[in-house]
Amino acid sequence: KDPKESGMTYFISKERIDKLDALEGFTWEFRPSITPFERRLEEYKEFQQKEGHGLVPQHYKDNRSLGKWVARQRCEYKALREGKESSLTPERLAQLEALNFEFCYGDPRGIKSKKKFQESREKHDEEGEVS
């Protein structure tokens, strides 16, 4: 691929690129780099597989960066839902939704709250009311 047409950012000058292009037998090779978003997405998948859910605590001691990233995605999703400015692009939102990302926020108990809600719903279905 021609580096001038790839749309990538370079750390060498145009002059050096031109000199390399002029070398006989020189070919450009690019290795795609993984973005921080993609890295955290992979870590989120691993967490889901290991834990059986996606409720990563904000202060997750095994991977603090993942915990902060998940909290940030939840904040960005909330902003998006409220019509505010958000860095969550449609492409990234689709990637998160494809993993059944847990967008719940403001629930420090996570799984316990979900379980309690489900039990309450089942009890309501059985008895016709929630106590």
Protein backbone atom coordinates (compact mmCIF):
# COMPACT_ATOMS: atom_id res chain seq x y z
CA LYS A 1 0.00 0.00 0.00
CA ASP A 2 1.12 3.51 -0.71
CA PRO A 3 1.62 5.23 2.66
CA LYS A 4 0.39 8.50 1.19
CA GLU A 5 -2.97 6.94 0.33
CA SER A 6 -3.54 4.89 3.47
CA GLY A 7 -4.84 7.75 5.61
CA MET A 8 -2.52 6.79 8.44
CA THR A 9 -0.56 9.13 10.67
CA TYR A 10 3.20 9.01 10.23
CA PHE A 11 6.12 9.77 12.46
CA ILE A 12 8.50 10.43 9.58
CA SER A 13 8.62 13.42 7.25
CA LYS A 14 7.25 13.49 3.72
CA GLU A 15 10.83 13.93 2.54
CA ARG A 16 11.88 10.64 4.16
CA ILE A 17 8.83 8.87 2.74
CA ASP A 18 9.77 10.09 -0.72
CA LYS A 19 13.38 8.90 -0.26
CA LEU A 20 12.19 5.46 0.82
CA ASP A 21 9.80 5.31 -2.14
CA ALA A 22 12.78 6.04 -4.41
CA LEU A 23 14.79 3.07 -3.10
CA GLU A 24 14.74 0.15 -5.49
CA GLY A 25 13.19 -2.92 -3.92
CA PHE A 26 11.75 -1.06 -0.91
CA THR A 27 8.15 -1.98 -0.10
CA TRP A 28 5.89 -0.61 2.57
CA GLU A 29 4.40 -3.00 5.13
CA PHE A 30 1.84 -1.92 7.65
CA ARG A 31 0.75 -3.86 10.67
CA PRO A 32 -2.65 -2.78 11.87
CA SER A 33 -2.50 -1.61 15.43
CA ILE A 34 -5.22 -2.34 17.91
CA THR A 35 -6.93 0.71 19.35
CA PRO A 36 -7.41 1.16 23.10
CA PHE A 37 -11.17 0.69 22.55
CA GLU A 38 -10.59 -2.63 20.78
CA ARG A 39 -8.18 -3.75 23.51
CA ARG A 40 -10.73 -3.03 26.26
CA LEU A 41 -13.48 -4.66 24.20
CA GLU A 42 -11.41 -7.86 24.10
CA GLU A 43 -10.81 -7.62 27.87
CA TYR A 44 -14.55 -7.14 28.38
CA LYS A 45 -15.25 -10.31 26.35
CA GLU A 46 -12.75 -12.21 28.51
CA PHE A 47 -14.40 -10.89 31.68
CA GLN A 48 -17.83 -12.01 30.42
CA GLN A 49 -16.53 -15.48 29.63
CA LYS A 50 -14.82 -15.81 32.99
CA GLU A 51 -17.56 -14.33 35.19
CA GLY A 52 -20.69 -15.21 33.20
CA HIS A 53 -21.89 -11.58 33.15
CA GLY A 54 -20.71 -8.14 32.08
CA LEU A 55 -21.11 -6.17 35.29
CA VAL A 56 -17.50 -5.04 35.64
CA PRO A 57 -17.08 -2.96 38.81
CA GLN A 58 -15.69 0.52 38.26
CA HIS A 59 -12.89 -0.25 40.72
CA TYR A 60 -12.22 -3.77 39.44
CA LYS A 61 -9.07 -4.81 41.30
CA ASP A 62 -7.96 -7.39 38.69
CA ASN A 63 -7.99 -4.85 35.85
CA ARG A 64 -8.48 -1.24 36.93
CA SER A 65 -8.25 0.03 33.34
CA LEU A 66 -11.13 -2.22 32.31
CA GLY A 67 -13.26 -1.07 35.22
CA LYS A 68 -12.68 2.58 34.36
CA TRP A 69 -13.32 1.91 30.65
CA VAL A 70 -16.63 0.16 31.35
CA ALA A 71 -17.72 3.02 33.62
CA ARG A 72 -16.79 5.48 30.85
CA GLN A 73 -18.82 3.57 28.25
CA ARG A 74 -21.81 3.66 30.58
CA CYS A 75 -21.42 7.43 31.03
CA GLU A 76 -21.09 7.95 27.29
CA TYR A 77 -24.17 5.79 26.68
CA LYS A 78 -26.16 7.77 29.23
CA ALA A 79 -25.12 11.03 27.57
CA LEU A 80 -26.10 9.64 24.17
CA ARG A 81 -29.53 8.59 25.46
CA GLU A 82 -30.07 12.03 26.95
CA GLY A 83 -29.20 13.71 23.65
CA LYS A 84 -25.96 15.14 25.02
CA GLU A 85 -22.56 15.11 23.36
CA SER A 86 -21.02 11.65 23.48
CA SER A 87 -17.88 10.03 22.13
CA LEU A 88 -19.81 6.77 21.65
CA THR A 89 -20.01 6.37 17.88
CA PRO A 90 -22.73 4.28 16.20
CA GLU A 91 -20.03 1.73 15.24
CA ARG A 92 -18.78 1.40 18.83
CA LEU A 93 -22.31 1.24 20.19
CA ALA A 94 -23.05 -1.61 17.78
CA GLN A 95 -19.89 -3.43 18.93
CA LEU A 96 -20.93 -3.08 22.57
CA GLU A 97 -24.51 -4.13 21.88
CA ALA A 98 -23.27 -7.20 19.98
CA LEU A 99 -21.65 -8.31 23.26
CA ASN A 100 -24.79 -7.56 25.30
CA PHE A 101 -22.81 -4.86 27.09
CA GLU A 102 -24.27 -4.08 30.52
CA PHE A 103 -25.22 -0.43 30.12
CA CYS A 104 -26.84 -0.27 33.55
CA TYR A 105 -25.41 2.45 35.71
CA GLY A 106 -26.02 3.78 39.18
CA ASP A 107 -26.45 0.27 40.55
CA PRO A 108 -23.52 -0.48 42.83
CA ARG A 109 -24.86 -3.94 43.67
CA GLY A 110 -25.01 -5.05 40.04
CA ILE A 111 -25.93 -8.72 39.91
CA LYS A 112 -27.74 -8.72 43.25
CA SER A 113 -30.05 -5.95 42.08
CA LYS A 114 -30.75 -7.73 38.80
CA LYS A 115 -31.45 -10.98 40.65
CA LYS A 116 -33.70 -9.22 43.15
CA PHE A 117 -35.61 -7.53 40.32
CA GLN A 118 -36.05 -10.86 38.53
CA GLU A 119 -37.26 -12.56 41.72
CA SER A 120 -39.66 -9.69 42.31
CA ARG A 121 -40.98 -9.99 38.75
CA GLU A 122 -41.45 -13.76 39.14
CA LYS A 123 -43.25 -13.27 42.45
CA HIS A 124 -45.48 -10.65 40.82
CA ASP A 125 -46.30 -13.06 38.01
CA GLU A 126 -47.18 -15.81 40.50
CA GLU A 127 -49.14 -13.72 43.02
CA GLY A 128 -50.28 -10.82 40.90
CA GLU A 129 -48.56 -8.25 43.12
CA VAL A 130 -45.16 -7.22 44.41
CA SER A 131 -44.67 -7.06 48.15
